[in-house]
PDB file of N, CA and C in Angstrom:
ATOM      1  N   MET A   1      12.914  17.045   3.234  1.00  0.00           N
ATOM      2  CA  MET A   1      11.695  17.561   3.611  1.00  0.00           C
ATOM      3  C   MET A   1      10.519  17.141   2.600  1.00  0.00           C
ATOM      4  N   ASN A   2       9.241  16.928   3.177  1.00  0.00           N
ATOM      5  CA  ASN A   2       8.304  16.600   2.413  1.00  0.00           C
ATOM      6  C   ASN A   2       7.873  17.551   1.367  1.00  0.00           C
ATOM      7  N   PRO A   3       7.570  17.423   0.150  1.00  0.00           N
ATOM      8  CA  PRO A   3       7.320  18.602  -0.728  1.00  0.00           C
ATOM      9  C   PRO A   3       6.058  19.022  -0.448  1.00  0.00           C
ATOM     10  N   ARG A   4       5.205  18.405   0.066  1.00  0.00           N
ATOM     11  CA  ARG A   4       3.752  18.914   0.390  1.00  0.00           C
ATOM     12  C   ARG A   4       3.615  19.700   1.456  1.00  0.00           C
ATOM     13  N   ILE A   5       4.665  19.925   2.247  1.00  0.00           N
ATOM     14  CA  ILE A   5       4.763  20.847   3.363  1.00  0.00           C
ATOM     15  C   ILE A   5       4.811  22.202   3.011  1.00  0.00           C
ATOM     16  N   ASN A   6       3.796  23.203   3.495  1.00  0.00           N
ATOM     17  CA  ASN A   6       4.087  24.536   3.162  1.00  0.00           C
ATOM     18  C   ASN A   6       4.685  25.272   4.404  1.00  0.00           C
ATOM     19  N   LEU A   7       5.912  25.799   4.172  1.00  0.00           N
ATOM     20  CA  LEU A   7       6.374  26.427   5.291  1.00  0.00           C
ATOM     21  C   LEU A   7       5.751  27.946   5.671  1.00  0.00           C
ATOM     22  N   LEU A   8       5.134  28.352   4.576  1.00  0.00           N
ATOM     23  CA  LEU A   8       4.463  29.717   4.801  1.00  0.00           C
ATOM     24  C   LEU A   8       3.171  29.458   5.416  1.00  0.00           C
ATOM     25  N   ASP A   9       2.660  28.338   5.541  1.00  0.00           N
ATOM     26  CA  ASP A   9       1.132  28.218   6.285  1.00  0.00           C
ATOM     27  C   ASP A   9       1.272  28.719   7.602  1.00  0.00           C
ATOM     28  N   LYS A  10       0.003  29.382   7.910  1.00  0.00           N
ATOM     29  CA  LYS A  10       0.114  29.911   9.339  1.00  0.00           C
ATOM     30  C   LYS A  10      -0.318  29.090  10.404  1.00  0.00           C
ATOM     31  N   GLU A  11      -0.612  27.781  10.106  1.00  0.00           N
ATOM     32  CA  GLU A  11      -0.868  26.813  11.299  1.00  0.00           C
ATOM     33  C   GLU A  11       0.479  26.492  11.931  1.00  0.00           C
ATOM     34  N   PRO A  12       0.574  26.642  13.019  1.00  0.00           N
ATOM     35  CA  PRO A  12       1.910  26.340  13.748  1.00  0.00           C
ATOM     36  C   PRO A  12       2.285  24.859  13.612  1.00  0.00           C
ATOM     37  N   LEU A  13       3.568  24.789  13.607  1.00  0.00           N
ATOM     38  CA  LEU A  13       4.316  23.452  13.654  1.00  0.00           C
ATOM     39  C   LEU A  13       4.456  23.123  14.941  1.00  0.00           C
ATOM     40  N   VAL A  14       4.259  21.799  15.469  1.00  0.00           N
ATOM     41  CA  VAL A  14       3.995  21.217  16.533  1.00  0.00           C
ATOM     42  C   VAL A  14       5.063  20.096  16.843  1.00  0.00           C
ATOM     43  N   SER A  15       5.361  19.824  17.914  1.00  0.00           N
ATOM     44  CA  SER A  15       6.394  18.675  18.041  1.00  0.00           C
ATOM     45  C   SER A  15       5.620  17.216  18.142  1.00  0.00           C
ATOM     46  N   PRO A  16       6.493  16.182  18.057  1.00  0.00           N
ATOM     47  CA  PRO A  16       6.010  14.870  18.002  1.00  0.00           C
ATOM     48  C   PRO A  16       5.129  14.695  19.421  1.00  0.00           C
ATOM     49  N   ALA A  17       5.744  15.128  20.515  1.00  0.00           N
ATOM     50  CA  ALA A  17       4.927  15.011  21.699  1.00  0.00           C
ATOM     51  C   ALA A  17       3.663  15.590  21.774  1.00  0.00           C
ATOM     52  N   ASP A  18       3.398  16.805  20.969  1.00  0.00           N
ATOM     53  CA  ASP A  18       2.088  17.330  20.807  1.00  0.00           C
ATOM     54  C   ASP A  18       1.112  16.520  20.179  1.00  0.00           C
ATOM     55  N   VAL A  19       1.755  15.969  18.985  1.00  0.00           N
ATOM     56  CA  VAL A  19       0.793  15.158  18.280  1.00  0.00           C
ATOM     57  C   VAL A  19       0.517  13.930  18.984  1.00  0.00           C
ATOM     58  N   ALA A  20       1.405  13.245  19.567  1.00  0.00           N
ATOM     59  CA  ALA A  20       1.124  12.148  20.464  1.00  0.00           C
ATOM     60  C   ALA A  20       0.060  12.256  21.762  1.00  0.00           C
ATOM     61  N   LYS A  21       0.078  13.306  22.218  1.00  0.00           N
ATOM     62  CA  LYS A  21      -0.829  13.639  23.318  1.00  0.00           C
ATOM     63  C   LYS A  21      -2.142  13.658  22.811  1.00  0.00           C
ATOM     64  N   ILE A  22      -2.459  14.527  21.556  1.00  0.00           N
ATOM     65  CA  ILE A  22      -3.707  14.487  21.019  1.00  0.00           C
ATOM     66  C   ILE A  22      -4.283  13.105  20.617  1.00  0.00           C
ATOM     67  N   TRP A  23      -3.529  12.237  19.929  1.00  0.00           N
ATOM     68  CA  TRP A  23      -3.719  10.928  19.319  1.00  0.00           C
ATOM     69  C   TRP A  23      -3.686   9.679  20.458  1.00  0.00           C
ATOM     70  N   GLY A  24      -3.105  10.124  21.519  1.00  0.00           N
ATOM     71  CA  GLY A  24      -3.176   9.063  22.647  1.00  0.00           C
ATOM     72  C   GLY A  24      -2.002   8.050  22.370  1.00  0.00           C
ATOM     73  N   VAL A  25      -0.962   8.535  21.644  1.00  0.00           N
ATOM     74  CA  VAL A  25       0.174   7.520  21.441  1.00  0.00           C
ATOM     75  C   VAL A  25       1.331   8.077  22.223  1.00  0.00           C
ATOM     76  N   GLU A  26       2.502   7.372  22.184  1.00  0.00           N
ATOM     77  CA  GLU A  26       3.763   7.918  22.750  1.00  0.00           C
ATOM     78  C   GLU A  26       4.543   8.897  21.694  1.00  0.00           C
ATOM     79  N   ALA A  27       5.237   9.747  22.149  1.00  0.00           N
ATOM     80  CA  ALA A  27       6.086  10.604  21.195  1.00  0.00           C
ATOM     81  C   ALA A  27       7.008   9.977  20.426  1.00  0.00           C
ATOM     82  N   LYS A  28       7.428   8.727  21.040  1.00  0.00           N
ATOM     83  CA  LYS A  28       8.528   7.984  19.959  1.00  0.00           C
ATOM     84  C   LYS A  28       7.840   7.323  18.849  1.00  0.00           C
ATOM     85  N   THR A  29       6.497   6.949  18.972  1.00  0.00           N
ATOM     86  CA  THR A  29       5.519   6.384  17.942  1.00  0.00           C
ATOM     87  C   THR A  29       5.523   7.451  16.909  1.00  0.00           C
ATOM     88  N   VAL A  30       5.366   8.849  17.122  1.00  0.00           N
ATOM     89  CA  VAL A  30       5.012   9.714  16.162  1.00  0.00           C
ATOM     90  C   VAL A  30       6.516   9.979  15.481  1.00  0.00           C
ATOM     91  N   ALA A  31       7.463  10.016  16.241  1.00  0.00           N
ATOM     92  CA  ALA A  31       8.777  10.196  15.574  1.00  0.00           C
ATOM     93  C   ALA A  31       9.112   9.093  14.807  1.00  0.00           C
ATOM     94  N   GLU A  32       8.767   7.849  15.101  1.00  0.00           N
ATOM     95  CA  GLU A  32       8.906   6.854  14.150  1.00  0.00           C
ATOM     96  C   GLU A  32       8.029   6.853  12.827  1.00  0.00           C
ATOM     97  N   TRP A  33       6.868   7.242  12.917  1.00  0.00           N
ATOM     98  CA  TRP A  33       6.100   7.595  11.857  1.00  0.00           C
ATOM     99  C   TRP A  33       6.970   8.556  10.761  1.00  0.00           C
ATOM    100  N   ALA A  34       7.509   9.556  11.531  1.00  0.00           N
ATOM    101  CA  ALA A  34       8.194  10.482  10.411  1.00  0.00           C
ATOM    102  C   ALA A  34       9.330   9.890   9.939  1.00  0.00           C
ATOM    103  N   ARG A  35      10.024   8.977  10.739  1.00  0.00           N
ATOM    104  CA  ARG A  35      11.425   8.550  10.238  1.00  0.00           C
ATOM    105  C   ARG A  35      11.072   7.446   9.192  1.00  0.00           C
ATOM    106  N   LYS A  36      10.217   6.559   9.482  1.00  0.00           N
ATOM    107  CA  LYS A  36       9.829   5.421   8.620  1.00  0.00           C
ATOM    108  C   LYS A  36       9.001   5.596   7.381  1.00  0.00           C
ATOM    109  N   TYR A  37       8.011   6.697   7.446  1.00  0.00           N
ATOM    110  CA  TYR A  37       6.986   6.807   6.246  1.00  0.00           C
ATOM    111  C   TYR A  37       7.381   8.186   5.510  1.00  0.00           C
ATOM    112  N   ARG A  38       8.106   7.825   4.386  1.00  0.00           N
ATOM    113  CA  ARG A  38       8.352   9.113   3.595  1.00  0.00           C
ATOM    114  C   ARG A  38       7.508   9.960   3.250  1.00  0.00           C
ATOM    115  N   ASP A  39       6.268   9.633   3.275  1.00  0.00           N
ATOM    116  CA  ASP A  39       5.130  10.541   3.038  1.00  0.00           C
ATOM    117  C   ASP A  39       4.256  11.155   4.102  1.00  0.00           C
ATOM    118  N   PHE A  40       5.088  10.893   5.283  1.00  0.00           N
ATOM    119  CA  PHE A  40       4.496  11.583   6.490  1.00  0.00           C
ATOM    120  C   PHE A  40       4.880  12.910   6.574  1.00  0.00           C
ATOM    121  N   PRO A  41       3.881  13.885   6.836  1.00  0.00           N
ATOM    122  CA  PRO A  41       3.945  15.204   6.746  1.00  0.00           C
ATOM    123  C   PRO A  41       4.745  16.055   7.995  1.00  0.00           C
ATOM    124  N   ALA A  42       5.907  15.874   7.736  1.00  0.00           N
ATOM    125  CA  ALA A  42       6.905  16.415   8.824  1.00  0.00           C
ATOM    126  C   ALA A  42       7.807  17.404   7.896  1.00  0.00           C
ATOM    127  N   VAL A  43       8.241  18.122   8.935  1.00  0.00           N
ATOM    128  CA  VAL A  43       9.404  19.182   8.349  1.00  0.00           C
ATOM    129  C   VAL A  43      10.737  18.602   9.459  1.00  0.00           C
ATOM    130  N   ARG A  44      11.711  18.218   8.718  1.00  0.00           N
ATOM    131  CA  ARG A  44      12.809  17.493   9.381  1.00  0.00           C
ATOM    132  C   ARG A  44      14.086  18.491   9.344  1.00  0.00           C
ATOM    133  N   LEU A  45      14.338  18.951  10.562  1.00  0.00           N
ATOM    134  CA  LEU A  45      15.683  19.667  10.448  1.00  0.00           C
ATOM    135  C   LEU A  45      16.611  18.941  11.223  1.00  0.00           C
ATOM    136  N   PRO A  46      17.880  19.179  11.282  1.00  0.00           N
ATOM    137  CA  PRO A  46      18.920  18.355  12.118  1.00  0.00           C
ATOM    138  C   PRO A  46      18.403  18.324  13.478  1.00  0.00           C
ATOM    139  N   GLY A  47      18.022  17.239  14.034  1.00  0.00           N
ATOM    140  CA  GLY A  47      17.651  16.945  15.446  1.00  0.00           C
ATOM    141  C   GLY A  47      16.416  17.349  15.877  1.00  0.00           C
ATOM    142  N   VAL A  48      15.477  17.840  14.874  1.00  0.00           N
ATOM    143  CA  VAL A  48      14.288  18.456  15.038  1.00  0.00           C
ATOM    144  C   VAL A  48      13.082  17.816  14.088  1.00  0.00           C
ATOM    145  N   VAL A  49      12.042  17.342  14.493  1.00  0.00           N
ATOM    146  CA  VAL A  49      10.896  17.134  13.716  1.00  0.00           C
ATOM    147  C   VAL A  49       9.715  17.814  14.188  1.00  0.00           C
ATOM    148  N   ARG A  50       9.106  18.612  13.188  1.00  0.00           N
ATOM    149  CA  ARG A  50       7.869  19.313  13.603  1.00  0.00           C
ATOM    150  C   ARG A  50       6.977  19.093  12.495  1.00  0.00           C
ATOM    151  N   MET A  51       5.420  19.073  12.897  1.00  0.00           N
ATOM    152  CA  MET A  51       4.325  18.910  11.900  1.00  0.00           C
ATOM    153  C   MET A  51       3.322  19.794  12.184  1.00  0.00           C
ATOM    154  N   ARG A  52       2.287  19.785  11.382  1.00  0.00           N
ATOM    155  CA  ARG A  52       0.950  20.323  11.557  1.00  0.00           C
ATOM    156  C   ARG A  52       0.033  19.492  11.840  1.00  0.00           C
ATOM    157  N   LEU A  53      -0.606  19.722  12.699  1.00  0.00           N
ATOM    158  CA  LEU A  53      -1.783  18.749  13.221  1.00  0.00           C
ATOM    159  C   LEU A  53      -2.861  18.300  11.972  1.00  0.00           C
ATOM    160  N   SER A  54      -3.280  19.325  11.292  1.00  0.00           N
ATOM    161  CA  SER A  54      -4.133  19.015  10.223  1.00  0.00           C
ATOM    162  C   SER A  54      -3.638  18.145   9.113  1.00  0.00           C
ATOM    163  N   GLU A  55      -2.241  18.308   8.860  1.00  0.00           N
ATOM    164  CA  GLU A  55      -1.561  17.362   7.914  1.00  0.00           C
ATOM    165  C   GLU A  55      -1.483  15.950   8.454  1.00  0.00           C
ATOM    166  N   VAL A  56      -1.285  15.878   9.848  1.00  0.00           N
ATOM    167  CA  VAL A  56      -1.038  14.740  10.475  1.00  0.00           C
ATOM    168  C   VAL A  56      -2.450  14.069  10.464  1.00  0.00           C
ATOM    169  N   ALA A  57      -3.591  14.731  10.823  1.00  0.00           N
ATOM    170  CA  ALA A  57      -4.822  14.197  10.652  1.00  0.00           C
ATOM    171  C   ALA A  57      -5.130  13.383   9.156  1.00  0.00           C
ATOM    172  N   THR A  58      -4.783  14.217   8.220  1.00  0.00           N
ATOM    173  CA  THR A  58      -5.039  13.882   6.941  1.00  0.00           C
ATOM    174  C   THR A  58      -4.387  12.554   6.635  1.00  0.00           C
ATOM    175  N   TRP A  59      -3.091  12.635   6.976  1.00  0.00           N
ATOM    176  CA  TRP A  59      -2.254  11.358   6.575  1.00  0.00           C
ATOM    177  C   TRP A  59      -2.706  10.301   7.473  1.00  0.00           C
ATOM    178  N   LEU A  60      -3.045  10.183   8.955  1.00  0.00           N
ATOM    179  CA  LEU A  60      -3.506   9.189   9.614  1.00  0.00           C
ATOM    180  C   LEU A  60      -4.807   8.608   8.883  1.00  0.00           C
ATOM    181  N   GLU A  61      -5.679   9.638   8.520  1.00  0.00           N
ATOM    182  CA  GLU A  61      -6.930   9.145   8.025  1.00  0.00           C
ATOM    183  C   GLU A  61      -6.713   8.414   6.740  1.00  0.00           C
ATOM    184  N   GLN A  62      -5.985   8.727   6.102  1.00  0.00           N
ATOM    185  CA  GLN A  62      -5.647   8.160   4.609  1.00  0.00           C
ATOM    186  C   GLN A  62      -4.847   6.756   4.877  1.00  0.00           C
ATOM    187  N   PHE A  63      -3.881   6.909   5.716  1.00  0.00           N
ATOM    188  CA  PHE A  63      -2.990   5.794   6.005  1.00  0.00           C
ATOM    189  C   PHE A  63      -3.686   4.719   6.804  1.00  0.00           C
ATOM    190  N   GLN A  64      -4.267   5.139   7.947  1.00  0.00           N
ATOM    191  CA  GLN A  64      -4.622   4.170   8.937  1.00  0.00           C
ATOM    192  C   GLN A  64      -6.134   4.036   9.228  1.00  0.00           C
ATOM    193  N   GLY A  65      -6.814   5.053   8.378  1.00  0.00           N
ATOM    194  CA  GLY A  65      -8.410   5.029   8.524  1.00  0.00           C
ATOM    195  C   GLY A  65      -8.975   5.746   9.956  1.00  0.00           C
ATOM    196  N   LYS A  66      -7.799   6.387  10.592  1.00  0.00           N
ATOM    197  CA  LYS A  66      -8.077   6.864  11.928  1.00  0.00           C
ATOM    198  C   LYS A  66      -8.585   8.383  11.852  1.00  0.00           C
ATOM    199  N   PRO A  67      -9.978   8.591  12.354  1.00  0.00           N
ATOM    200  CA  PRO A  67     -10.392   9.980  12.084  1.00  0.00           C
ATOM    201  C   PRO A  67      -9.599  10.880  13.160  1.00  0.00           C
ATOM    202  N   ALA A  68      -9.737  12.156  12.790  1.00  0.00           N
ATOM    203  CA  ALA A  68      -9.021  13.136  13.649  1.00  0.00           C
ATOM    204  C   ALA A  68      -9.816  13.382  14.977  1.00  0.00           C
ATOM    205  N   PRO A  69      -9.019  13.518  16.025  1.00  0.00           N
ATOM    206  CA  PRO A  69      -9.629  13.755  17.446  1.00  0.00           C
ATOM    207  C   PRO A  69     -10.525  15.147  17.247  1.00  0.00           C
ATOM    208  N   ARG A  70     -11.471  15.287  18.070  1.00  0.00           N
ATOM    209  CA  ARG A  70     -12.323  16.430  18.036  1.00  0.00           C
ATOM    210  C   ARG A  70     -11.536  17.717  18.058  1.00  0.00           C
ATOM    211  N   GLU A  71     -10.494  17.844  18.881  1.00  0.00           N
ATOM    212  CA  GLU A  71      -9.565  19.090  18.933  1.00  0.00           C
ATOM    213  C   GLU A  71      -9.000  19.530  17.561  1.00  0.00           C
ATOM    214  N   VAL A  72      -8.783  18.469  16.890  1.00  0.00           N
ATOM    215  CA  VAL A  72      -8.189  18.829  15.372  1.00  0.00           C
ATOM    216  C   VAL A  72      -9.132  19.035  14.339  1.00  0.00           C
ATOM    217  N   ALA A  73     -10.097  18.123  14.474  1.00  0.00           N
ATOM    218  CA  ALA A  73     -11.440  18.418  13.361  1.00  0.00           C
ATOM    219  C   ALA A  73     -12.047  19.820  13.789  1.00  0.00           C
ATOM    220  N   ASN A  74     -12.074  20.158  14.911  1.00  0.00           N
ATOM    221  CA  ASN A  74     -12.679  21.454  15.057  1.00  0.00           C
ATOM    222  C   ASN A  74     -11.882  22.651  14.889  1.00  0.00           C
ATOM    223  N   ALA A  75     -10.537  22.513  14.697  1.00  0.00           N
ATOM    224  CA  ALA A  75      -9.726  23.585  14.718  1.00  0.00           C
ATOM    225  C   ALA A  75      -9.777  24.467  13.445  1.00  0.00           C
TER     226      ALA A  75
END
């Protein structure tokens, strides 16, 4: 588990499919980010990966220079 993840945060955890829909990529791409990059902000449980949109937005901006979509930036 990523040490930067706060499990007590009130922002809901979402699936790779939710993240993919917002960023316009396939769910398998988001799942691969979680698998490939150790600093990707994801909660990894047996057979399940979940994340917070705000943390993914920050990671993508730092890692790939991609700004957050309006839905995330305005949340």
